[in-house]
Protein backbone atom coordinates (compact mmCIF):
# COMPACT_ATOMS: atom_id res chain seq x y z
CA UNK A 1 35.04 46.39 22.86
CA UNK A 2 34.28 45.71 19.13
CA UNK A 3 31.11 45.32 18.42
CA UNK A 4 29.64 41.40 17.46
CA UNK A 5 28.52 41.60 13.85
CA UNK A 6 24.98 40.55 13.17
CA UNK A 7 24.69 37.10 11.42
CA UNK A 8 22.44 37.23 8.34
CA UNK A 9 18.74 37.27 8.84
CA UNK A 10 19.41 33.05 6.91
CA UNK A 11 21.30 32.23 9.61
CA UNK A 12 19.99 33.71 12.72
CA UNK A 13 15.72 31.59 11.43
CA UNK A 14 18.45 28.67 10.83
CA UNK A 15 19.23 28.72 14.43
CA UNK A 16 16.38 28.90 15.93
CA UNK A 17 14.39 26.55 13.86
CA UNK A 18 17.51 23.35 14.82
CA UNK A 19 16.28 24.70 18.51
CA UNK A 20 15.52 22.64 21.10
CA UNK A 21 11.56 24.28 22.34
CA UNK A 22 9.13 23.75 20.07
CA UNK A 23 7.25 27.17 20.54
CA UNK A 24 10.35 28.38 19.41
CA UNK A 25 10.77 26.31 15.75
CA UNK A 26 7.11 27.14 15.55
CA UNK A 27 7.56 31.14 15.73
CA UNK A 28 10.62 30.82 13.68
CA UNK A 29 8.83 28.75 10.45
CA UNK A 30 6.34 31.62 11.16
CA UNK A 31 8.55 33.78 10.45
CA UNK A 32 10.71 32.39 8.05
CA UNK A 33 7.05 32.34 5.24
CA UNK A 34 6.73 35.80 6.09
CA UNK A 35 10.20 36.87 5.26
CA UNK A 36 10.23 34.53 2.05
CA UNK A 37 7.07 36.88 1.11
CA UNK A 38 8.71 39.80 2.00
CA UNK A 39 12.01 38.76 -0.11
CA UNK A 40 10.94 37.00 -2.93
CA UNK A 41 9.03 39.66 -4.12
CA UNK A 42 11.96 41.40 -6.40
CA UNK A 43 12.92 40.54 -9.62
CA UNK A 44 15.74 38.44 -9.08
CA UNK A 45 13.89 35.68 -6.61
CA UNK A 46 15.66 37.42 -3.58
CA UNK A 47 17.51 34.75 -2.52
CA UNK A 48 20.95 32.56 -3.41
CA UNK A 49 21.77 29.02 -3.83
CA UNK A 50 23.74 28.94 -0.68
CA UNK A 51 21.17 30.81 0.98
CA UNK A 52 18.59 28.74 0.50
CA UNK A 53 20.38 25.72 1.17
CA UNK A 54 21.06 27.59 4.79
CA UNK A 55 17.51 28.14 5.23
CA UNK A 56 16.80 24.02 4.10
CA UNK A 57 19.46 23.00 6.59
CA UNK A 58 17.41 24.53 9.14
CA UNK A 59 13.94 22.89 7.79
CA UNK A 60 15.77 19.88 7.81
CA UNK A 61 16.90 20.27 11.35
CA UNK A 62 13.54 21.01 12.61
CA UNK A 63 11.63 18.01 10.89
CA UNK A 64 14.45 16.42 12.15
CA UNK A 65 13.59 17.87 16.15
CA UNK A 66 10.23 16.64 15.63
CA UNK A 67 9.28 13.22 17.21
CA UNK A 68 5.56 12.95 17.37
CA UNK A 69 3.67 11.20 14.21
CA UNK A 70 0.98 13.45 13.89
CA UNK A 71 2.86 17.26 14.50
CA UNK A 72 5.17 15.16 11.63
CA UNK A 73 2.84 15.69 9.01
CA UNK A 74 1.24 18.77 9.82
CA UNK A 75 4.91 20.66 10.51
CA UNK A 76 5.99 17.97 6.74
CA UNK A 77 2.79 19.89 4.74
CA UNK A 78 3.79 23.61 6.46
CA UNK A 79 7.38 22.93 4.80
CA UNK A 80 6.04 21.34 1.56
CA UNK A 81 3.89 24.39 1.30
CA UNK A 82 6.43 27.32 2.09
CA UNK A 83 6.94 26.82 -2.03
CA UNK A 84 3.88 28.91 -2.73
CA UNK A 85 5.64 32.08 -0.84
CA UNK A 86 8.24 32.35 -3.47
CA UNK A 87 6.38 34.32 -6.64
CA UNK A 88 8.13 33.77 -9.44
CA UNK A 89 8.34 30.29 -10.83
CA UNK A 90 12.74 30.33 -11.00
CA UNK A 91 12.31 31.26 -7.77
CA UNK A 92 10.30 28.43 -6.84
CA UNK A 93 12.74 25.86 -9.06
CA UNK A 94 15.60 27.18 -6.89
CA UNK A 95 13.74 26.33 -3.85
CA UNK A 96 13.35 22.56 -4.60
CA UNK A 97 16.68 22.41 -6.02
CA UNK A 98 18.08 23.63 -2.24
CA UNK A 99 15.54 20.86 -1.33
CA UNK A 100 16.82 17.89 -3.38
CA UNK A 101 20.59 18.61 -2.81
CA UNK A 102 19.94 19.02 1.64
CA UNK A 103 18.42 15.61 0.78
CA UNK A 104 21.11 14.48 -0.91
CA UNK A 105 23.70 15.32 1.55
CA UNK A 106 22.63 14.89 4.88
CA UNK A 107 20.73 10.92 3.84
CA UNK A 108 23.80 9.35 5.15
CA UNK A 109 23.06 11.35 8.79
CA UNK A 110 19.47 9.65 9.10
CA UNK A 111 18.66 6.71 11.24
CA UNK A 112 15.67 4.09 10.86
CA UNK A 113 13.88 5.55 13.33
CA UNK A 114 13.25 8.86 11.32
CA UNK A 115 13.90 7.48 8.25
CA UNK A 116 10.01 7.50 7.85
CA UNK A 117 9.48 11.31 8.61
CA UNK A 118 11.64 12.29 5.91
CA UNK A 119 10.31 9.85 3.36
CA UNK A 120 6.99 11.61 4.15
CA UNK A 121 8.87 14.77 3.82
CA UNK A 122 10.12 14.21 0.55
CA UNK A 123 6.48 12.75 -0.49
CA UNK A 124 4.98 16.28 0.77
CA UNK A 125 7.46 18.39 -1.09
CA UNK A 126 6.78 16.71 -4.83
CA UNK A 127 3.35 16.88 -4.47
CA UNK A 128 3.64 20.86 -3.71
CA UNK A 129 6.19 21.41 -6.08
CA UNK A 130 3.23 19.38 -9.27
CA UNK A 131 0.89 21.99 -7.24
CA UNK A 132 2.34 24.53 -8.74
CA UNK A 133 2.76 23.58 -12.10
CA UNK A 134 -1.32 22.78 -11.89
CA UNK A 135 -1.71 26.31 -10.79
CA UNK A 136 -0.65 27.73 -13.97
CA UNK A 137 -1.80 25.74 -15.96
CA UNK A 138 -0.27 22.65 -16.68
CA UNK A 139 1.85 25.42 -19.06
CA UNK A 140 4.09 22.96 -21.46
CA UNK A 141 7.25 24.80 -20.51
CA UNK A 142 6.59 24.75 -16.87
CA UNK A 143 6.70 21.10 -16.96
CA UNK A 144 10.26 20.54 -18.55
CA UNK A 145 11.23 23.27 -16.27
CA UNK A 146 10.16 20.44 -13.31
CA UNK A 147 11.35 18.02 -15.04
CA UNK A 148 14.94 18.94 -16.19
CA UNK A 149 15.26 19.73 -12.31
CA UNK A 150 14.14 16.46 -10.83
CA UNK A 151 16.11 14.85 -13.47
CA UNK A 152 19.47 16.34 -13.05
CA UNK A 153 19.58 16.95 -9.12
CA UNK A 154 18.24 12.80 -8.44
CA UNK A 155 18.19 10.72 -11.28
CA UNK A 156 21.17 11.57 -13.54
CA UNK A 157 24.84 9.71 -12.53
CA UNK A 158 26.92 12.76 -11.94
CA UNK A 159 24.52 13.92 -9.54
CA UNK A 160 25.81 11.28 -6.60
CA UNK A 161 22.22 10.92 -4.46
CA UNK A 162 22.17 8.21 -3.24
CA UNK A 163 20.36 5.20 -3.76
CA UNK A 164 17.69 5.53 -1.18
CA UNK A 165 16.25 8.86 -2.65
CA UNK A 166 16.22 7.25 -5.86
CA UNK A 167 14.58 4.77 -5.07
CA UNK A 168 11.69 5.91 -3.26
CA UNK A 169 10.76 8.88 -5.92
CA UNK A 170 10.62 6.77 -8.27
CA UNK A 171 8.31 5.28 -5.83
CA UNK A 172 6.13 7.94 -5.25
CA UNK A 173 5.94 10.24 -8.73
CA UNK A 174 3.12 8.40 -10.35
CA UNK A 175 1.64 8.42 -7.24
CA UNK A 176 1.73 11.57 -6.80
CA UNK A 177 1.02 12.60 -9.88
CA UNK A 178 -1.69 10.62 -10.12
CA UNK A 179 -2.97 12.60 -6.88
CA UNK A 180 -2.98 16.16 -8.69
CA UNK A 181 -3.13 16.15 -12.36
CA UNK A 182 -5.94 13.07 -12.60
CA UNK A 183 -8.52 14.78 -13.08
CA UNK A 184 -6.81 17.24 -15.89
CA UNK A 185 -3.88 15.83 -17.25
CA UNK A 186 -4.47 14.12 -20.77
CA UNK A 187 -2.27 11.20 -22.61
CA UNK A 188 -0.30 13.76 -23.93
CA UNK A 189 0.63 15.48 -20.79
CA UNK A 190 1.15 11.99 -19.13
CA UNK A 191 3.53 11.19 -22.08
CA UNK A 192 5.71 14.29 -21.61
CA UNK A 193 5.88 13.60 -18.13
CA UNK A 194 7.38 10.32 -18.31
CA UNK A 195 9.04 10.78 -21.42
CA UNK A 196 12.28 11.41 -18.92
CA UNK A 197 12.45 8.73 -17.51
CA UNK A 198 12.11 6.42 -20.51
CA UNK A 199 14.79 8.16 -20.94
CA UNK A 200 16.67 7.20 -18.61
CA UNK A 201 15.75 4.01 -18.90
CA UNK A 202 17.58 3.52 -22.05
CA UNK A 203 20.50 4.73 -21.44
CA UNK A 204 21.71 4.15 -17.75
CA UNK A 205 23.66 1.83 -16.05
CA UNK A 206 22.44 1.37 -13.26
CA UNK A 207 20.60 -1.96 -12.60
CA UNK A 208 18.86 -0.33 -9.33
CA UNK A 209 17.15 2.54 -11.50
CA UNK A 210 16.85 1.00 -14.24
CA UNK A 211 14.57 -1.86 -12.41
CA UNK A 212 12.26 0.73 -10.21
CA UNK A 213 11.77 2.68 -13.64
CA UNK A 214 10.57 -0.68 -15.24
CA UNK A 215 8.73 -1.23 -11.36
CA UNK A 216 7.28 1.42 -10.31
CA UNK A 217 6.33 3.48 -13.94
CA UNK A 218 5.65 0.79 -16.33
CA UNK A 219 4.49 -1.98 -14.81
CA UNK A 220 2.37 0.17 -12.98
CA UNK A 221 0.51 1.50 -15.90
CA UNK A 222 0.11 -1.62 -17.38
CA UNK A 223 -1.45 -3.15 -13.97
CA UNK A 224 -3.71 0.12 -13.86
CA UNK A 225 -4.88 0.13 -17.36
CA UNK A 226 -8.10 -2.26 -17.34
CA UNK A 227 -9.25 0.33 -14.28
CA UNK A 228 -8.14 3.12 -16.39
CA UNK A 229 -10.42 2.10 -18.94
CA UNK A 230 -13.08 1.53 -16.31
CA UNK A 231 -12.29 4.75 -15.53
CA UNK A 232 -13.54 6.32 -19.10
CA UNK A 233 -16.39 3.89 -19.40
CA UNK A 234 -17.55 5.55 -15.70
CA UNK A 235 -16.96 9.16 -16.72
CA UNK A 236 -19.06 8.12 -20.04
CA UNK A 237 -21.97 6.73 -18.07
CA UNK A 238 -22.47 9.52 -16.13
CA UNK A 239 -22.33 12.34 -18.52
CA UNK A 240 -25.06 10.08 -20.15
CA UNK A 241 -26.90 9.79 -16.73
CA UNK A 242 -26.78 13.65 -16.74
CA UNK A 243 -28.51 14.51 -19.70
CA UNK A 244 -30.60 11.94 -19.12
CA UNK A 245 -31.72 13.04 -15.83
CA UNK A 246 -32.07 16.75 -16.34
CA UNK A 247 -34.42 16.00 -18.70
CA UNK A 248 -36.92 13.61 -16.74
CA UNK A 249 -36.29 16.88 -13.38
CA UNK A 250 -37.26 19.39 -15.65
CA UNK A 251 -40.53 17.47 -17.25
CA UNK A 252 -41.33 16.26 -13.21
CA UNK A 253 -40.61 19.40 -11.59
CA UNK A 254 -42.58 21.82 -14.33
CA UNK A 255 -45.81 18.97 -13.14
CA UNK A 256 -45.43 17.39 -9.68
CA UNK A 257 -43.57 19.88 -7.79
CA UNK A 258 -45.99 22.92 -7.70
CA UNK A 259 -48.94 20.70 -6.83
CA UNK A 260 -47.80 17.93 -4.51
CA UNK A 261 -44.84 19.62 -2.93
CA UNK A 262 -46.59 22.46 -1.95
CA UNK A 263 -50.07 20.42 -0.30
CA UNK A 264 -47.21 18.17 1.93
CA UNK A 265 -45.30 20.83 3.23
CA UNK A 266 -48.63 23.01 4.25
CA UNK A 267 -50.18 20.47 5.40
CA UNK A 268 -47.51 18.04 6.88
CA UNK A 269 -46.02 21.20 8.69
CA UNK A 270 -48.82 22.85 9.82
CA UNK A 271 -50.17 19.96 11.57
CA UNK A 272 -46.77 18.25 12.74
CA UNK A 273 -45.19 20.89 13.91
CA UNK A 274 -47.84 22.72 15.61
CA UNK A 275 -49.79 19.16 16.90
CA UNK A 276 -46.95 17.17 18.07
CA UNK A 277 -45.43 20.36 19.56
CA UNK A 278 -48.67 20.81 21.49
CA UNK A 279 -49.52 17.33 22.11
CA UNK A 280 -46.05 16.50 23.94
CA UNK A 281 -46.63 18.55 26.94
CA UNK A 282 -49.47 16.31 27.86
CA UNK A 283 -47.64 13.06 27.31
CA UNK A 284 -47.03 12.18 23.45
CA UNK A 285 -44.04 11.85 21.33
CA UNK A 286 -42.65 14.78 20.11
CA UNK A 287 -40.24 14.75 17.36
CA UNK A 288 -37.15 17.48 17.22
CA UNK A 289 -35.74 19.58 14.38
CA UNK A 290 -32.88 16.66 13.39
CA UNK A 291 -35.41 13.49 13.82
CA UNK A 292 -35.04 12.24 16.85
CA UNK A 293 -37.82 10.97 19.04
CA UNK A 294 -37.47 12.54 22.44
CA UNK A 295 -39.47 10.48 25.19
CA UNK A 296 -41.40 12.40 27.96
CA UNK A 297 -40.91 11.26 32.00
CA UNK A 298 -45.45 10.05 31.24
CA UNK A 299 -45.46 9.40 28.35
CA UNK A 300 -46.00 5.95 27.01
CA UNK A 301 -44.35 4.33 23.48
CA UNK A 302 -46.66 3.42 20.43
CA UNK A 303 -46.31 -0.29 20.86
CA UNK A 304 -47.47 -0.44 24.68
CA UNK A 305 -43.88 -2.11 26.08
CA UNK A 306 -43.35 0.92 27.83
CA UNK A 307 -43.98 -1.28 30.84
CA UNK A 308 -40.79 -4.23 29.75
CA UNK A 309 -38.20 -0.98 29.24
CA UNK A 310 -35.33 -0.30 31.22
CA UNK A 311 -33.38 2.85 31.81
CA UNK A 312 -30.94 1.32 29.54
CA UNK A 313 -32.88 1.04 27.03
CA UNK A 314 -33.95 4.70 27.10
CA UNK A 315 -30.23 5.81 27.03
CA UNK A 316 -29.81 3.80 23.89
CA UNK A 317 -33.60 5.26 22.93
CA UNK A 318 -32.19 8.57 23.15
CA UNK A 319 -28.60 8.11 21.59
CA UNK A 320 -29.43 8.68 18.04
CA UNK A 321 -28.21 5.66 15.05
CA UNK A 322 -24.80 5.84 14.39
CA UNK A 323 -25.27 6.61 10.19
CA UNK A 324 -22.09 5.16 7.56
CA UNK A 325 -21.38 7.55 5.54
CA UNK A 326 -22.26 7.50 1.60
CA UNK A 327 -21.79 5.38 -0.61
CA UNK A 328 -21.30 2.42 1.76
CA UNK A 329 -23.28 -1.00 1.63
CA UNK A 330 -23.58 -2.72 5.38
CA UNK A 331 -23.16 -6.45 5.19
CA UNK A 332 -22.24 -9.41 7.28
CA UNK A 333 -20.54 -12.55 7.36
CA UNK A 334 -17.55 -13.84 6.57
CA UNK A 335 -18.19 -13.52 2.60
CA UNK A 336 -18.79 -9.97 3.99
CA UNK A 337 -15.18 -9.55 4.73
CA UNK A 338 -13.70 -11.24 1.65
CA UNK A 339 -15.12 -8.78 -0.75
CA UNK A 340 -14.70 -5.72 1.29
CA UNK A 341 -11.24 -6.76 1.36
CA UNK A 342 -11.51 -7.46 -2.72
CA UNK A 343 -12.93 -4.08 -2.81
CA UNK A 344 -10.07 -2.45 -0.79
CA UNK A 345 -7.57 -4.30 -2.72
CA UNK A 346 -9.31 -3.02 -6.14
CA UNK A 347 -9.70 0.88 -4.85
CA UNK A 348 -6.05 2.28 -5.76
CA UNK A 349 -7.24 5.96 -5.82
CA UNK A 350 -6.79 7.98 -8.68
CA UNK A 351 -5.53 6.70 -12.91
CA UNK A 352 -3.93 8.45 -15.45
CA UNK A 353 -4.79 7.94 -18.90
CA UNK A 354 -2.36 6.69 -21.17
CA UNK A 355 -1.81 6.05 -24.85
CA UNK A 356 -0.55 3.06 -24.77
CA UNK A 357 0.64 2.75 -28.69
CA UNK A 358 2.39 6.17 -28.61
CA UNK A 359 4.31 4.92 -25.76
CA UNK A 360 5.30 1.89 -26.99
CA UNK A 361 6.14 3.06 -29.96
CA UNK A 362 8.40 6.25 -27.92
CA UNK A 363 10.08 3.20 -25.95
CA UNK A 364 10.80 1.25 -28.83
CA UNK A 365 12.46 4.34 -30.17
CA UNK A 366 14.42 4.87 -27.28
CA UNK A 367 15.94 0.74 -27.42
CA UNK A 368 16.61 0.36 -30.34
CA UNK A 369 20.06 2.97 -31.26
CA UNK A 370 22.59 1.14 -30.97
CA UNK A 371 24.11 3.41 -27.25
CA UNK A 372 21.61 1.02 -25.93
CA UNK A 373 23.01 -1.04 -23.56
CA UNK A 374 21.99 -4.51 -24.33
CA UNK A 375 20.13 -5.40 -20.93
CA UNK A 376 18.33 -2.39 -20.91
CA UNK A 377 17.03 -3.38 -24.38
CA UNK A 378 16.18 -6.81 -23.96
CA UNK A 379 13.99 -5.84 -20.53
CA UNK A 380 12.33 -2.86 -22.25
CA UNK A 381 11.23 -4.32 -25.52
CA UNK A 382 9.22 -6.61 -22.92
CA UNK A 383 7.70 -3.81 -21.91
CA UNK A 384 6.73 -2.59 -25.53
CA UNK A 385 5.36 -5.98 -26.30
CA UNK A 386 2.79 -5.88 -23.48
CA UNK A 387 1.76 -1.93 -23.84
CA UNK A 388 1.52 -2.94 -27.45
CA UNK A 389 -1.22 -5.52 -26.02
CA UNK A 390 -2.59 -3.74 -24.21
CA UNK A 391 -3.51 -1.07 -27.37
CA UNK A 392 -4.99 -3.89 -28.75
CA UNK A 393 -7.53 -4.66 -26.38
CA UNK A 394 -5.60 -7.24 -24.60
CA UNK A 395 -5.34 -6.97 -20.71
CA UNK A 396 -3.29 -8.67 -18.17
CA UNK A 397 -6.13 -10.11 -16.06
CA UNK A 398 -7.28 -11.65 -19.53
CA UNK A 399 -4.57 -14.30 -19.35
CA UNK A 400 -5.66 -16.31 -16.49
CA UNK A 401 -9.00 -17.00 -15.86
CA UNK A 402 -11.02 -17.00 -12.81
CA UNK A 403 -12.65 -20.11 -12.28
CA UNK A 404 -8.95 -21.24 -12.78
CA UNK A 405 -7.53 -18.62 -10.64
CA UNK A 406 -9.50 -19.70 -8.53
CA UNK A 407 -8.67 -23.72 -8.56
CA UNK A 408 -4.66 -22.71 -8.90
CA UNK A 409 -5.76 -20.94 -5.63
CA UNK A 410 -7.59 -23.45 -3.99
CA UNK A 411 -4.29 -26.02 -4.82
CA UNK A 412 -1.52 -23.72 -2.96
CA UNK A 413 -3.51 -23.54 -0.08
CA UNK A 414 -4.00 -28.10 -0.09
CA UNK A 415 -0.45 -27.99 -0.66
CA UNK A 416 -0.20 -25.59 2.34
CA UNK A 417 -1.90 -27.96 4.60
CA UNK A 418 -0.40 -30.84 3.69
CA UNK A 419 2.57 -29.35 4.42
CA UNK A 420 1.34 -28.85 7.46
CA UNK A 421 0.55 -31.67 8.96
CA UNK A 422 2.16 -33.83 11.31
CA UNK A 423 3.50 -37.50 10.56
CA UNK A 424 1.58 -40.61 11.55
CA UNK A 425 2.78 -42.41 14.85
CA UNK A 426 4.55 -44.85 14.29
CA UNK A 427 2.43 -48.54 15.24
CA UNK A 428 3.37 -50.53 18.67
CA UNK A 429 2.82 -53.88 16.97
CA UNK A 430 5.76 -55.70 16.55
CA UNK A 431 5.01 -57.26 13.23
CA UNK A 432 4.51 -53.90 12.14
CA UNK A 433 7.42 -52.59 13.68
CA UNK A 434 9.45 -55.15 11.40
CA UNK A 435 7.44 -54.80 8.51
CA UNK A 436 8.00 -50.90 8.42
CA UNK A 437 12.06 -50.94 9.23
CA UNK A 438 12.34 -54.30 6.39
CA UNK A 439 11.08 -51.47 4.42
CA UNK A 440 13.54 -48.94 4.14
CA UNK A 441 15.35 -48.37 2.11
CA UNK A 442 18.82 -46.72 3.81
CA UNK A 443 19.13 -48.00 7.27
CA UNK A 444 21.07 -46.99 9.32
CA UNK A 445 23.96 -48.41 11.22
CA UNK A 446 22.06 -49.30 14.28
CA UNK A 447 19.60 -50.58 13.06
CA UNK A 448 21.44 -53.21 11.13
CA UNK A 449 23.08 -54.37 14.22
CA UNK A 450 20.01 -55.06 16.18
CA UNK A 451 18.75 -56.31 13.10
CA UNK A 452 22.16 -58.94 12.71
CA UNK A 453 22.26 -59.48 16.79
CA UNK A 454 18.16 -60.69 16.44
CA UNK A 455 18.67 -63.38 13.67
CA UNK A 456 21.57 -64.50 15.38
CA UNK A 457 19.25 -65.15 18.09
CA UNK A 458 16.60 -66.91 16.07
CA UNK A 459 19.33 -68.46 14.03
CA UNK A 460 20.54 -70.08 18.08
CA UNK A 461 17.18 -71.34 18.66
CA UNK A 462 16.08 -73.53 15.35
CA UNK A 463 17.25 -71.74 12.17
CA UNK A 464 16.63 -68.73 10.43
CA UNK A 465 13.52 -66.96 11.28
CA UNK A 466 11.92 -66.88 8.03
CA UNK A 467 11.03 -70.48 7.85
CA UNK A 468 9.23 -72.67 10.24
CA UNK A 469 9.54 -76.12 11.67
CA UNK A 470 7.81 -78.54 12.79
CA UNK A 471 8.17 -78.61 17.03
CA UNK A 472 10.05 -82.23 16.66
CA UNK A 473 12.99 -80.66 14.62
CA UNK A 474 13.64 -77.93 16.97
CA UNK A 475 13.37 -80.50 19.84
CA UNK A 476 16.00 -82.43 17.88
CA UNK A 477 18.30 -79.62 17.05
CA UNK A 478 18.58 -78.41 20.26
CA UNK A 479 18.89 -81.93 21.63
CA UNK A 480 22.30 -82.37 18.85
CA UNK A 481 23.80 -79.70 20.31
CA UNK A 482 23.48 -80.37 23.91
CA UNK A 483 25.41 -83.64 23.76
CA UNK A 484 28.61 -81.73 21.92
CA UNK A 485 28.65 -79.21 25.25
CA UNK A 486 28.07 -81.98 27.57
CA UNK A 487 31.58 -83.67 25.64
CA UNK A 488 33.59 -81.17 26.14
CA UNK A 489 32.64 -80.20 29.40
CA UNK A 490 33.60 -84.54 30.45
CA UNK A 491 36.52 -83.51 28.31
CA UNK A 492 37.80 -80.73 30.18
CA UNK A 493 37.28 -82.65 33.70
CA UNK A 494 39.36 -85.33 32.43
């Protein structure tokens, strides 16, 4: 019997990564990282594109088999950090290229229940790829290589990437770039990062890609412009404040620290530590190291209210109060809730800095070409106009004043309340009912019939309903009709 040929290590690891048991998958993932670190030390990178595709297929189904949300996040972070196990930039880019090719190939088979965790995996891999560029000092060549890889595999019309992959990538790119490099990147470097999106927006024929680029890239830049200016002002204020604080601390520290700190520390520490601990045995209040208050069994409170205290109050005194995190302000009431919600909406995280005039000139240069489709040119010109307004100091919030905006919101709320009001009940009075019927513009055929019947009955009793007659006239009319009927009956009897 011929012995079986052993499978390559990539296939063996991929099979274990897609196993049913979590212990097997975790062990295979740890072995894969060690295997990548050992093999990528070669000058060529150690992996071929086909081998990396096999590895990523195993990682894809490793994520597929994980159903618990917290463990999904941990697994996604572990998989994304595998890019740092490669020692060369070319090997890292090959690994990232295999990931995006795997996502494009397997995207159609992902159901809606597993879609969110693969969205999260895409976000984490993009974040780690940007961190890899950050580790090399935001080198211009490294940035160009990464952007070329992403645009070729995702946004290029020949890439055959699904619309879901394109849309999600465009939605998260600027956000992840801000998280990783907002504190270090300059306006020129940020312009270099979004230059491929400008080129694609000028030449693409896909309306979805054009809409997502304008909405997720350019519109986000316009909306975050006031926050970017505010960050610059805060940074300048902090720098000036640190300079003043350093000058003041040097003078005060030399004068007051030697005298006051020595006296207070020596006196209070000696009196408090020796006296309080000794007095605690006799029944007084003793201070712990953390500053909490501990009551003895025989001791009394300082206010003399020990007789009124209960066991529940003692438990509450023993438990230390919850401390709010630094930077938070305690508010009470519905207005405070509204302010807190408004603050949460304004807290958008780190914001990138841009040169709006340079970005507008770059877009105008691309949009004014003859090869640019007319629809793309129209939409880009609108973006260019907004960017030039920002460069001139006009922000989007200045178009509508705050008071007018509040009035608009109040008017909308009043209209909604009017729509929600129930119709008023119809009056029960007969005269009011007849007036309501007469005031209607187009009564239905059934109402017309009822009206005709009522008018006929009233006419038979004594004329039209609208005119008033004397009682004698009504009696005469009634008496004039009765003899006619009697004559007819008498003739029939004869």
